[in-house]
Amino acid sequence: MTLAENASPTYQATVTGYTRKWVAFADATASQRFSTTDAGLDLAAGASYAALCVAAIDAGGTRRVMGFGGDLGLAVRVTAAGLLQTTHNSVATAGVVNHESAGAVTPHVIMAYRDATANLSGTRTDLESIAGTHDESAFTGGAKGLGSMTASATPTQKTAQLAVWKGANAETVRTKAFSTLGW
């Protein structure tokens, strides 16, 4: 997929202790993101998908980390309390573990998924599993990518990787990632 820049994210950002460069989003910058509206990433009813990113987050209010299809698809947010929240078809479920960096930059592996075969939806991180409300609806239109997929603000966030899978590949990746990462 090809992602287009919006609202000037920062390139070549650094994270202490890591040699790779990161992309950084500034706190409270509306619509700051890398995204695509590629219809090839839209999901038919009953399709599976998975998205994986590595991100270090400093919350400053409820902010979007990544999303696919806006609120009608999948969105991962960080709340003002630093909790991750997974949203599927406008139904939000918050986790219980603080993912904020609190001054120290701590990257987290974040995987959001919808597994149509296993009837599962949610967000998994290196700190917790958040079971979402499973929904088999078609998710079409809207922006897909990292940062704020709507006019809402982004968190102070540095992201090193983003990968997206659809269909049977999404189910395989979700299962293997959970096993490999000890989830």
N, C-alpha and C. Protein backbone atom coordinates (compact mmCIF):
# COMPACT_ATOMS: atom_id res chain seq x y z
N MET A 1 0.84 -1.17 0.00
CA MET A 1 0.00 0.00 0.00
C MET A 1 0.88 1.23 0.00
N THR A 2 0.40 2.28 -0.58
CA THR A 2 1.11 3.55 -0.59
C THR A 2 0.35 4.52 0.30
N LEU A 3 1.05 5.06 1.29
CA LEU A 3 0.42 5.98 2.23
C LEU A 3 0.82 7.42 1.89
N ALA A 4 -0.15 8.32 1.93
CA ALA A 4 0.10 9.74 1.66
C ALA A 4 0.20 10.50 2.98
N GLU A 5 1.10 11.43 3.02
CA GLU A 5 1.29 12.27 4.21
C GLU A 5 0.21 13.33 4.29
N ASN A 6 -0.25 13.64 5.50
CA ASN A 6 -1.19 14.73 5.72
C ASN A 6 -0.79 15.47 7.00
N ALA A 7 -0.77 16.79 6.97
CA ALA A 7 -0.49 17.66 8.12
C ALA A 7 0.94 17.49 8.66
N SER A 8 1.86 17.17 7.81
CA SER A 8 3.31 17.20 8.08
C SER A 8 3.82 16.41 9.28
N PRO A 9 3.70 15.08 9.29
CA PRO A 9 4.37 14.30 10.34
C PRO A 9 5.89 14.50 10.22
N THR A 10 6.62 14.20 11.26
CA THR A 10 8.08 14.36 11.27
C THR A 10 8.75 13.06 10.83
N TYR A 11 9.70 13.17 9.92
CA TYR A 11 10.47 12.01 9.46
C TYR A 11 11.78 11.93 10.24
N GLN A 12 12.39 10.76 10.24
CA GLN A 12 13.71 10.54 10.82
C GLN A 12 13.77 10.87 12.32
N ALA A 13 12.67 10.65 13.03
CA ALA A 13 12.65 10.87 14.48
C ALA A 13 13.46 9.77 15.15
N THR A 14 14.00 10.08 16.31
CA THR A 14 14.80 9.08 17.04
C THR A 14 14.10 8.69 18.33
N VAL A 15 14.39 7.48 18.76
CA VAL A 15 13.93 6.98 20.05
C VAL A 15 15.16 6.47 20.77
N THR A 16 15.41 6.96 21.97
CA THR A 16 16.59 6.58 22.73
C THR A 16 16.67 5.07 22.87
N GLY A 17 17.84 4.52 22.56
CA GLY A 17 18.05 3.08 22.67
C GLY A 17 17.78 2.30 21.40
N TYR A 18 17.31 2.99 20.34
CA TYR A 18 16.98 2.33 19.08
C TYR A 18 17.75 2.98 17.94
N THR A 19 18.29 2.18 17.03
CA THR A 19 19.06 2.71 15.92
C THR A 19 18.17 3.06 14.73
N ARG A 20 17.02 2.41 14.60
CA ARG A 20 16.11 2.69 13.48
C ARG A 20 15.47 4.06 13.65
N LYS A 21 15.16 4.69 12.53
CA LYS A 21 14.46 5.97 12.56
C LYS A 21 12.96 5.74 12.61
N TRP A 22 12.25 6.68 13.19
CA TRP A 22 10.81 6.59 13.40
C TRP A 22 10.12 7.75 12.71
N VAL A 23 8.81 7.61 12.52
CA VAL A 23 7.97 8.70 12.05
C VAL A 23 7.27 9.23 13.30
N ALA A 24 7.23 10.54 13.47
CA ALA A 24 6.63 11.12 14.67
C ALA A 24 5.42 11.98 14.33
N PHE A 25 4.41 11.88 15.20
CA PHE A 25 3.20 12.70 15.11
C PHE A 25 3.18 13.64 16.31
N ALA A 26 2.81 14.90 16.10
CA ALA A 26 2.78 15.88 17.18
C ALA A 26 1.44 15.84 17.89
N ASP A 27 1.46 16.05 19.20
CA ASP A 27 0.24 15.99 20.00
C ASP A 27 -0.77 17.03 19.52
N ALA A 28 -2.02 16.59 19.44
CA ALA A 28 -3.18 17.45 19.15
C ALA A 28 -3.17 18.07 17.76
N THR A 29 -2.41 17.49 16.83
CA THR A 29 -2.42 17.99 15.47
C THR A 29 -3.53 17.28 14.70
N ALA A 30 -4.59 18.01 14.37
CA ALA A 30 -5.75 17.40 13.70
C ALA A 30 -5.37 16.80 12.35
N SER A 31 -5.87 15.62 12.10
CA SER A 31 -5.71 14.91 10.83
C SER A 31 -4.27 14.59 10.45
N GLN A 32 -3.34 14.66 11.38
CA GLN A 32 -1.94 14.32 11.06
C GLN A 32 -1.84 12.81 10.92
N ARG A 33 -1.35 12.36 9.75
CA ARG A 33 -1.38 10.93 9.49
C ARG A 33 -0.60 10.59 8.23
N PHE A 34 -0.44 9.28 8.05
CA PHE A 34 -0.07 8.67 6.77
C PHE A 34 -1.25 7.78 6.44
N SER A 35 -1.87 7.99 5.30
CA SER A 35 -3.07 7.22 5.02
C SER A 35 -3.27 6.98 3.53
N THR A 36 -4.25 6.13 3.25
CA THR A 36 -4.68 5.84 1.90
C THR A 36 -6.19 5.66 1.90
N THR A 37 -6.83 5.95 0.80
CA THR A 37 -8.25 5.64 0.65
C THR A 37 -8.42 4.50 -0.35
N ASP A 38 -7.34 3.76 -0.60
CA ASP A 38 -7.32 2.66 -1.56
C ASP A 38 -8.45 1.67 -1.28
N ALA A 39 -9.35 1.53 -2.24
CA ALA A 39 -10.49 0.61 -2.09
C ALA A 39 -10.03 -0.83 -1.98
N GLY A 40 -8.79 -1.12 -2.40
CA GLY A 40 -8.26 -2.47 -2.27
C GLY A 40 -8.07 -2.90 -0.82
N LEU A 41 -8.06 -1.93 0.09
CA LEU A 41 -7.96 -2.24 1.52
C LEU A 41 -9.32 -2.25 2.21
N ASP A 42 -10.40 -1.94 1.47
CA ASP A 42 -11.74 -2.07 2.03
C ASP A 42 -12.01 -3.55 2.27
N LEU A 43 -12.87 -3.84 3.22
CA LEU A 43 -13.15 -5.23 3.56
C LEU A 43 -14.59 -5.59 3.30
N ALA A 44 -14.76 -6.70 2.63
CA ALA A 44 -16.11 -7.21 2.40
C ALA A 44 -16.66 -7.76 3.71
N ALA A 45 -17.97 -7.87 3.78
CA ALA A 45 -18.58 -8.47 4.97
C ALA A 45 -17.99 -9.85 5.18
N GLY A 46 -17.63 -10.16 6.41
CA GLY A 46 -17.10 -11.47 6.74
C GLY A 46 -15.63 -11.66 6.45
N ALA A 47 -14.91 -10.61 6.01
CA ALA A 47 -13.48 -10.74 5.72
C ALA A 47 -12.66 -10.52 6.98
N SER A 48 -11.49 -11.14 7.01
CA SER A 48 -10.56 -10.97 8.14
C SER A 48 -9.52 -9.93 7.78
N TYR A 49 -8.96 -9.26 8.80
CA TYR A 49 -7.86 -8.35 8.58
C TYR A 49 -7.04 -8.25 9.85
N ALA A 50 -5.80 -7.82 9.68
CA ALA A 50 -4.91 -7.59 10.82
C ALA A 50 -3.98 -6.44 10.46
N ALA A 51 -3.68 -5.61 11.45
CA ALA A 51 -2.74 -4.51 11.27
C ALA A 51 -1.80 -4.52 12.46
N LEU A 52 -0.52 -4.39 12.19
CA LEU A 52 0.50 -4.45 13.23
C LEU A 52 1.36 -3.19 13.14
N CYS A 53 1.59 -2.54 14.27
CA CYS A 53 2.52 -1.42 14.29
C CYS A 53 3.36 -1.47 15.55
N VAL A 54 4.48 -0.80 15.51
CA VAL A 54 5.33 -0.62 16.68
C VAL A 54 5.28 0.87 16.96
N ALA A 55 4.81 1.25 18.16
CA ALA A 55 4.63 2.67 18.45
C ALA A 55 5.01 3.00 19.89
N ALA A 56 5.57 4.17 20.08
CA ALA A 56 5.82 4.75 21.41
C ALA A 56 4.86 5.92 21.54
N ILE A 57 4.07 5.95 22.61
CA ILE A 57 2.96 6.89 22.72
C ILE A 57 3.05 7.72 24.00
N ASP A 58 2.89 9.03 23.86
CA ASP A 58 2.69 9.92 25.00
C ASP A 58 1.29 10.50 24.82
N ALA A 59 0.39 10.17 25.69
CA ALA A 59 -0.99 10.64 25.54
C ALA A 59 -1.12 12.07 26.04
N GLY A 60 -2.09 12.77 25.51
CA GLY A 60 -2.38 14.12 25.96
C GLY A 60 -3.88 14.35 25.89
N GLY A 61 -4.62 13.29 25.84
CA GLY A 61 -6.05 13.32 25.63
C GLY A 61 -6.39 12.13 24.77
N THR A 62 -7.65 11.91 24.47
CA THR A 62 -8.02 10.79 23.63
C THR A 62 -7.53 11.06 22.21
N ARG A 63 -6.67 10.16 21.72
CA ARG A 63 -6.03 10.36 20.43
C ARG A 63 -6.03 9.05 19.63
N ARG A 64 -6.06 9.16 18.32
CA ARG A 64 -6.01 7.98 17.45
C ARG A 64 -4.57 7.57 17.18
N VAL A 65 -4.32 6.26 17.23
CA VAL A 65 -3.00 5.72 16.92
C VAL A 65 -2.99 5.20 15.49
N MET A 66 -4.01 4.43 15.10
CA MET A 66 -4.15 3.95 13.73
C MET A 66 -5.61 3.62 13.48
N GLY A 67 -5.99 3.53 12.22
CA GLY A 67 -7.37 3.21 11.92
C GLY A 67 -7.54 2.74 10.49
N PHE A 68 -8.61 2.01 10.27
CA PHE A 68 -8.93 1.47 8.96
C PHE A 68 -10.42 1.61 8.75
N GLY A 69 -10.83 2.56 7.90
CA GLY A 69 -12.24 2.78 7.64
C GLY A 69 -12.91 3.68 8.66
N GLY A 70 -12.16 4.51 9.36
CA GLY A 70 -12.74 5.42 10.35
C GLY A 70 -13.41 4.66 11.48
N ASP A 71 -14.38 5.28 12.14
CA ASP A 71 -15.06 4.64 13.26
C ASP A 71 -15.91 3.45 12.84
N LEU A 72 -16.26 3.36 11.57
CA LEU A 72 -17.07 2.24 11.12
C LEU A 72 -16.23 1.00 10.85
N GLY A 73 -14.92 1.15 10.84
CA GLY A 73 -14.03 0.01 10.65
C GLY A 73 -13.33 -0.30 11.95
N LEU A 74 -12.04 -0.21 11.93
CA LEU A 74 -11.20 -0.48 13.09
C LEU A 74 -10.46 0.79 13.45
N ALA A 75 -10.46 1.14 14.71
CA ALA A 75 -9.64 2.26 15.17
C ALA A 75 -8.98 1.85 16.47
N VAL A 76 -7.74 2.27 16.65
CA VAL A 76 -7.04 2.08 17.91
C VAL A 76 -6.71 3.48 18.40
N ARG A 77 -7.10 3.75 19.63
CA ARG A 77 -6.87 5.06 20.24
C ARG A 77 -6.12 4.88 21.55
N VAL A 78 -5.56 5.98 22.04
CA VAL A 78 -5.06 6.03 23.41
C VAL A 78 -5.94 7.07 24.11
N THR A 79 -6.43 6.75 25.30
CA THR A 79 -7.31 7.66 26.03
C THR A 79 -6.48 8.66 26.84
N ALA A 80 -7.14 9.65 27.42
CA ALA A 80 -6.46 10.65 28.24
C ALA A 80 -5.75 9.99 29.42
N ALA A 81 -6.21 8.82 29.84
CA ALA A 81 -5.59 8.10 30.95
C ALA A 81 -4.45 7.19 30.48
N GLY A 82 -4.15 7.20 29.17
CA GLY A 82 -3.07 6.38 28.65
C GLY A 82 -3.47 4.95 28.33
N LEU A 83 -4.77 4.67 28.36
CA LEU A 83 -5.25 3.31 28.07
C LEU A 83 -5.50 3.17 26.57
N LEU A 84 -5.17 2.03 26.02
CA LEU A 84 -5.51 1.79 24.62
C LEU A 84 -6.97 1.42 24.53
N GLN A 85 -7.59 1.80 23.44
CA GLN A 85 -9.01 1.53 23.21
C GLN A 85 -9.14 0.99 21.79
N THR A 86 -9.87 -0.10 21.64
CA THR A 86 -10.11 -0.67 20.33
C THR A 86 -11.56 -0.40 19.94
N THR A 87 -11.78 0.00 18.69
CA THR A 87 -13.12 0.30 18.21
C THR A 87 -13.40 -0.51 16.96
N HIS A 88 -14.50 -1.25 16.95
CA HIS A 88 -14.97 -1.96 15.77
C HIS A 88 -16.41 -1.54 15.53
N ASN A 89 -16.68 -1.02 14.34
CA ASN A 89 -18.01 -0.58 13.96
C ASN A 89 -18.64 0.33 15.01
N SER A 90 -17.87 1.31 15.45
CA SER A 90 -18.30 2.36 16.38
C SER A 90 -18.49 1.90 17.82
N VAL A 91 -18.15 0.65 18.15
CA VAL A 91 -18.26 0.17 19.53
C VAL A 91 -16.85 0.15 20.12
N ALA A 92 -16.63 0.97 21.15
CA ALA A 92 -15.30 1.11 21.75
C ALA A 92 -15.16 0.26 23.01
N THR A 93 -14.00 -0.37 23.16
CA THR A 93 -13.67 -1.15 24.34
C THR A 93 -12.28 -0.72 24.81
N ALA A 94 -12.17 -0.24 26.03
CA ALA A 94 -10.88 0.23 26.55
C ALA A 94 -10.18 -0.87 27.31
N GLY A 95 -8.85 -0.84 27.24
CA GLY A 95 -8.03 -1.74 28.02
C GLY A 95 -7.86 -1.22 29.44
N VAL A 96 -6.98 -1.84 30.20
CA VAL A 96 -6.80 -1.44 31.60
C VAL A 96 -5.35 -1.09 31.93
N VAL A 97 -4.43 -1.25 30.97
CA VAL A 97 -3.01 -1.01 31.22
C VAL A 97 -2.58 0.30 30.57
N ASN A 98 -1.85 1.12 31.32
CA ASN A 98 -1.37 2.40 30.81
C ASN A 98 -0.25 2.17 29.81
N HIS A 99 -0.40 2.66 28.59
CA HIS A 99 0.60 2.51 27.54
C HIS A 99 1.38 3.79 27.28
N GLU A 100 1.13 4.83 28.07
CA GLU A 100 1.86 6.07 27.89
C GLU A 100 3.32 5.87 28.23
N SER A 101 4.15 6.68 27.62
CA SER A 101 5.57 6.60 27.91
C SER A 101 5.93 7.32 29.19
N ALA A 102 5.10 8.23 29.66
CA ALA A 102 5.32 8.97 30.90
C ALA A 102 6.73 9.53 30.98
N GLY A 103 7.15 10.21 29.91
CA GLY A 103 8.46 10.83 29.91
C GLY A 103 9.54 9.93 29.32
N ALA A 104 9.47 8.64 29.55
CA ALA A 104 10.42 7.70 28.96
C ALA A 104 9.76 7.07 27.74
N VAL A 105 10.47 6.95 26.66
CA VAL A 105 9.89 6.41 25.45
C VAL A 105 9.96 4.89 25.50
N THR A 106 8.81 4.26 25.53
CA THR A 106 8.72 2.81 25.58
C THR A 106 7.88 2.33 24.39
N PRO A 107 8.51 1.79 23.38
CA PRO A 107 7.74 1.29 22.23
C PRO A 107 6.91 0.06 22.60
N HIS A 108 5.75 -0.05 21.98
CA HIS A 108 4.87 -1.20 22.18
C HIS A 108 4.50 -1.79 20.82
N VAL A 109 4.40 -3.11 20.78
CA VAL A 109 3.88 -3.80 19.61
C VAL A 109 2.36 -3.78 19.74
N ILE A 110 1.67 -3.30 18.72
CA ILE A 110 0.21 -3.20 18.75
C ILE A 110 -0.36 -3.90 17.51
N MET A 111 -1.23 -4.88 17.74
CA MET A 111 -1.90 -5.57 16.63
C MET A 111 -3.40 -5.44 16.80
N ALA A 112 -4.05 -4.89 15.79
CA ALA A 112 -5.51 -4.82 15.76
C ALA A 112 -5.98 -5.84 14.72
N TYR A 113 -7.08 -6.52 15.02
CA TYR A 113 -7.49 -7.60 14.11
C TYR A 113 -8.99 -7.85 14.13
N ARG A 114 -9.45 -8.45 13.04
CA ARG A 114 -10.78 -9.04 12.96
C ARG A 114 -10.57 -10.39 12.27
N ASP A 115 -10.84 -11.46 13.00
CA ASP A 115 -10.68 -12.82 12.49
C ASP A 115 -12.08 -13.38 12.28
N ALA A 116 -12.53 -13.38 11.02
CA ALA A 116 -13.89 -13.81 10.71
C ALA A 116 -14.11 -15.29 10.95
N THR A 117 -13.09 -16.11 10.75
CA THR A 117 -13.22 -17.55 10.95
C THR A 117 -13.39 -17.88 12.42
N ALA A 118 -12.60 -17.24 13.28
CA ALA A 118 -12.65 -17.51 14.72
C ALA A 118 -13.65 -16.61 15.44
N ASN A 119 -14.32 -15.70 14.72
CA ASN A 119 -15.27 -14.75 15.32
C ASN A 119 -14.65 -13.93 16.44
N LEU A 120 -13.46 -13.38 16.17
CA LEU A 120 -12.74 -12.58 17.16
C LEU A 120 -12.40 -11.21 16.57
N SER A 121 -12.44 -10.21 17.41
CA SER A 121 -11.97 -8.88 17.05
C SER A 121 -11.32 -8.28 18.28
N GLY A 122 -10.31 -7.45 18.08
CA GLY A 122 -9.69 -6.81 19.22
C GLY A 122 -8.36 -6.18 18.89
N THR A 123 -7.68 -5.80 19.95
CA THR A 123 -6.35 -5.22 19.86
C THR A 123 -5.47 -5.94 20.88
N ARG A 124 -4.29 -6.31 20.46
CA ARG A 124 -3.34 -6.99 21.33
C ARG A 124 -2.07 -6.18 21.38
N THR A 125 -1.48 -6.05 22.55
CA THR A 125 -0.21 -5.35 22.69
C THR A 125 0.74 -6.23 23.50
N ASP A 126 1.95 -5.74 23.66
CA ASP A 126 2.90 -6.46 24.49
C ASP A 126 2.49 -6.42 25.97
N LEU A 127 1.51 -5.58 26.32
CA LEU A 127 1.09 -5.46 27.72
C LEU A 127 -0.28 -6.05 28.02
N GLU A 128 -1.16 -6.17 27.02
CA GLU A 128 -2.50 -6.67 27.30
C GLU A 128 -3.24 -7.07 26.03
N SER A 129 -4.36 -7.75 26.23
CA SER A 129 -5.26 -8.13 25.16
C SER A 129 -6.60 -7.45 25.42
N ILE A 130 -7.13 -6.75 24.41
CA ILE A 130 -8.41 -6.07 24.54
C ILE A 130 -9.37 -6.72 23.56
N ALA A 131 -10.32 -7.47 24.08
CA ALA A 131 -11.31 -8.13 23.22
C ALA A 131 -12.33 -7.09 22.77
N GLY A 132 -12.46 -6.94 21.47
CA GLY A 132 -13.41 -5.97 20.93
C GLY A 132 -14.75 -6.63 20.65
N THR A 133 -15.72 -5.82 20.27
CA THR A 133 -17.02 -6.33 19.88
C THR A 133 -16.91 -6.80 18.43
N HIS A 134 -17.06 -8.11 18.22
CA HIS A 134 -16.88 -8.66 16.88
C HIS A 134 -18.03 -8.24 15.98
N ASP A 135 -17.69 -7.81 14.77
CA ASP A 135 -18.68 -7.34 13.82
C ASP A 135 -18.26 -7.79 12.43
N GLU A 136 -19.16 -8.42 11.69
CA GLU A 136 -18.85 -8.94 10.36
C GLU A 136 -19.23 -7.97 9.24
N SER A 137 -19.55 -6.73 9.58
CA SER A 137 -19.98 -5.76 8.57
C SER A 137 -18.87 -5.46 7.57
N ALA A 138 -19.29 -4.98 6.42
CA ALA A 138 -18.32 -4.49 5.45
C ALA A 138 -17.80 -3.15 5.93
N PHE A 139 -16.49 -2.94 5.80
CA PHE A 139 -15.87 -1.67 6.15
C PHE A 139 -15.33 -1.08 4.86
N THR A 140 -16.03 -0.09 4.33
CA THR A 140 -15.61 0.50 3.06
C THR A 140 -15.45 2.00 3.21
N GLY A 141 -14.62 2.56 2.39
CA GLY A 141 -14.40 3.99 2.41
C GLY A 141 -13.59 4.42 3.62
N GLY A 142 -13.38 5.70 3.72
CA GLY A 142 -12.63 6.24 4.84
C GLY A 142 -11.14 6.02 4.67
N ALA A 143 -10.39 6.74 5.48
CA ALA A 143 -8.93 6.65 5.43
C ALA A 143 -8.46 5.44 6.21
N LYS A 144 -7.30 4.93 5.81
CA LYS A 144 -6.70 3.78 6.47
C LYS A 144 -5.23 4.09 6.67
N GLY A 145 -4.68 3.86 7.86
CA GLY A 145 -3.27 4.11 8.08
C GLY A 145 -2.92 4.44 9.51
N LEU A 146 -1.85 5.22 9.69
CA LEU A 146 -1.33 5.60 11.00
C LEU A 146 -1.70 7.04 11.32
N GLY A 147 -1.94 7.31 12.60
CA GLY A 147 -2.27 8.65 13.03
C GLY A 147 -3.78 8.83 13.05
N SER A 148 -4.23 10.07 12.89
CA SER A 148 -5.65 10.39 12.98
C SER A 148 -6.33 10.18 11.64
N MET A 149 -7.28 9.25 11.59
CA MET A 149 -7.98 8.97 10.34
C MET A 149 -9.20 9.87 10.15
N THR A 150 -9.46 10.75 11.11
CA THR A 150 -10.54 11.73 10.99
C THR A 150 -9.96 13.10 11.35
N ALA A 151 -10.80 14.08 11.54
CA ALA A 151 -10.32 15.42 11.89
C ALA A 151 -9.92 15.52 13.36
N SER A 152 -9.99 14.41 14.10
CA SER A 152 -9.57 14.45 15.50
C SER A 152 -8.06 14.49 15.58
N ALA A 153 -7.54 14.71 16.76
CA ALA A 153 -6.11 14.89 16.95
C ALA A 153 -5.36 13.56 17.10
N THR A 154 -4.08 13.62 16.82
CA THR A 154 -3.20 12.47 17.03
C THR A 154 -2.51 12.61 18.38
N PRO A 155 -1.97 11.50 18.91
CA PRO A 155 -1.16 11.61 20.12
C PRO A 155 0.27 11.99 19.74
N THR A 156 1.08 12.31 20.76
CA THR A 156 2.51 12.37 20.52
C THR A 156 2.92 10.92 20.38
N GLN A 157 3.28 10.54 19.20
CA GLN A 157 3.48 9.13 18.89
C GLN A 157 4.64 9.00 17.92
N LYS A 158 5.48 8.00 18.15
CA LYS A 158 6.53 7.68 17.19
C LYS A 158 6.29 6.26 16.75
N THR A 159 6.30 6.04 15.45
CA THR A 159 5.97 4.73 14.90
C THR A 159 7.10 4.27 13.99
N ALA A 160 7.50 3.01 14.16
CA ALA A 160 8.60 2.46 13.36
C ALA A 160 8.10 1.57 12.24
N GLN A 161 7.01 0.86 12.42
CA GLN A 161 6.56 -0.12 11.44
C GLN A 161 5.05 -0.10 11.32
N LEU A 162 4.54 -0.43 10.15
CA LEU A 162 3.11 -0.68 9.94
C LEU A 162 3.00 -1.76 8.88
N ALA A 163 2.19 -2.75 9.15
CA ALA A 163 1.92 -3.80 8.16
C ALA A 163 0.44 -4.14 8.26
N VAL A 164 -0.16 -4.47 7.10
CA VAL A 164 -1.58 -4.80 7.05
C VAL A 164 -1.77 -6.07 6.23
N TRP A 165 -2.66 -6.96 6.71
CA TRP A 165 -2.99 -8.19 6.00
C TRP A 165 -4.49 -8.32 5.90
N LYS A 166 -4.95 -9.00 4.83
CA LYS A 166 -6.38 -9.25 4.64
C LYS A 166 -6.62 -10.73 4.41
N GLY A 167 -7.86 -11.16 4.64
CA GLY A 167 -8.29 -12.52 4.33
C GLY A 167 -7.57 -13.58 5.16
N ALA A 168 -7.32 -14.74 4.54
CA ALA A 168 -6.69 -15.85 5.25
C ALA A 168 -5.30 -15.47 5.76
N ASN A 169 -4.60 -14.60 5.02
CA ASN A 169 -3.28 -14.15 5.49
C ASN A 169 -3.38 -13.44 6.83
N ALA A 170 -4.43 -12.66 7.03
CA ALA A 170 -4.62 -11.96 8.30
C ALA A 170 -4.80 -12.96 9.44
N GLU A 171 -5.55 -14.02 9.21
CA GLU A 171 -5.76 -15.03 10.24
C GLU A 171 -4.47 -15.76 10.57
N THR A 172 -3.69 -16.09 9.55
CA THR A 172 -2.41 -16.77 9.76
C THR A 172 -1.44 -15.87 10.52
N VAL A 173 -1.33 -14.61 10.12
CA VAL A 173 -0.43 -13.68 10.79
C VAL A 173 -0.83 -13.48 12.24
N ARG A 174 -2.14 -13.30 12.49
CA ARG A 174 -2.61 -13.11 13.87
C ARG A 174 -2.22 -14.30 14.73
N THR A 175 -2.48 -15.50 14.25
CA THR A 175 -2.18 -16.71 15.01
C THR A 175 -0.67 -16.85 15.25
N LYS A 176 0.12 -16.64 14.21
CA LYS A 176 1.58 -16.78 14.35
C LYS A 176 2.17 -15.68 15.22
N ALA A 177 1.67 -14.46 15.09
CA ALA A 177 2.17 -13.37 15.92
C ALA A 177 1.87 -13.64 17.39
N PHE A 178 0.67 -14.09 17.68
CA PHE A 178 0.32 -14.38 19.06
C PHE A 178 1.22 -15.46 19.62
N SER A 179 1.48 -16.49 18.84
CA SER A 179 2.33 -17.59 19.28
C SER A 179 3.79 -17.13 19.44
N THR A 180 4.31 -16.46 18.43
CA THR A 180 5.72 -16.01 18.46
C THR A 180 5.98 -15.02 19.58
N LEU A 181 5.05 -14.11 19.81
CA LEU A 181 5.23 -13.08 20.83
C LEU A 181 4.77 -13.54 22.22
N GLY A 182 4.35 -14.79 22.33
CA GLY A 182 3.93 -15.31 23.63
C GLY A 182 2.59 -14.76 24.08
N TRP A 183 1.75 -14.34 23.12
CA TRP A 183 0.44 -13.79 23.46
C TRP A 183 -0.56 -14.90 23.56
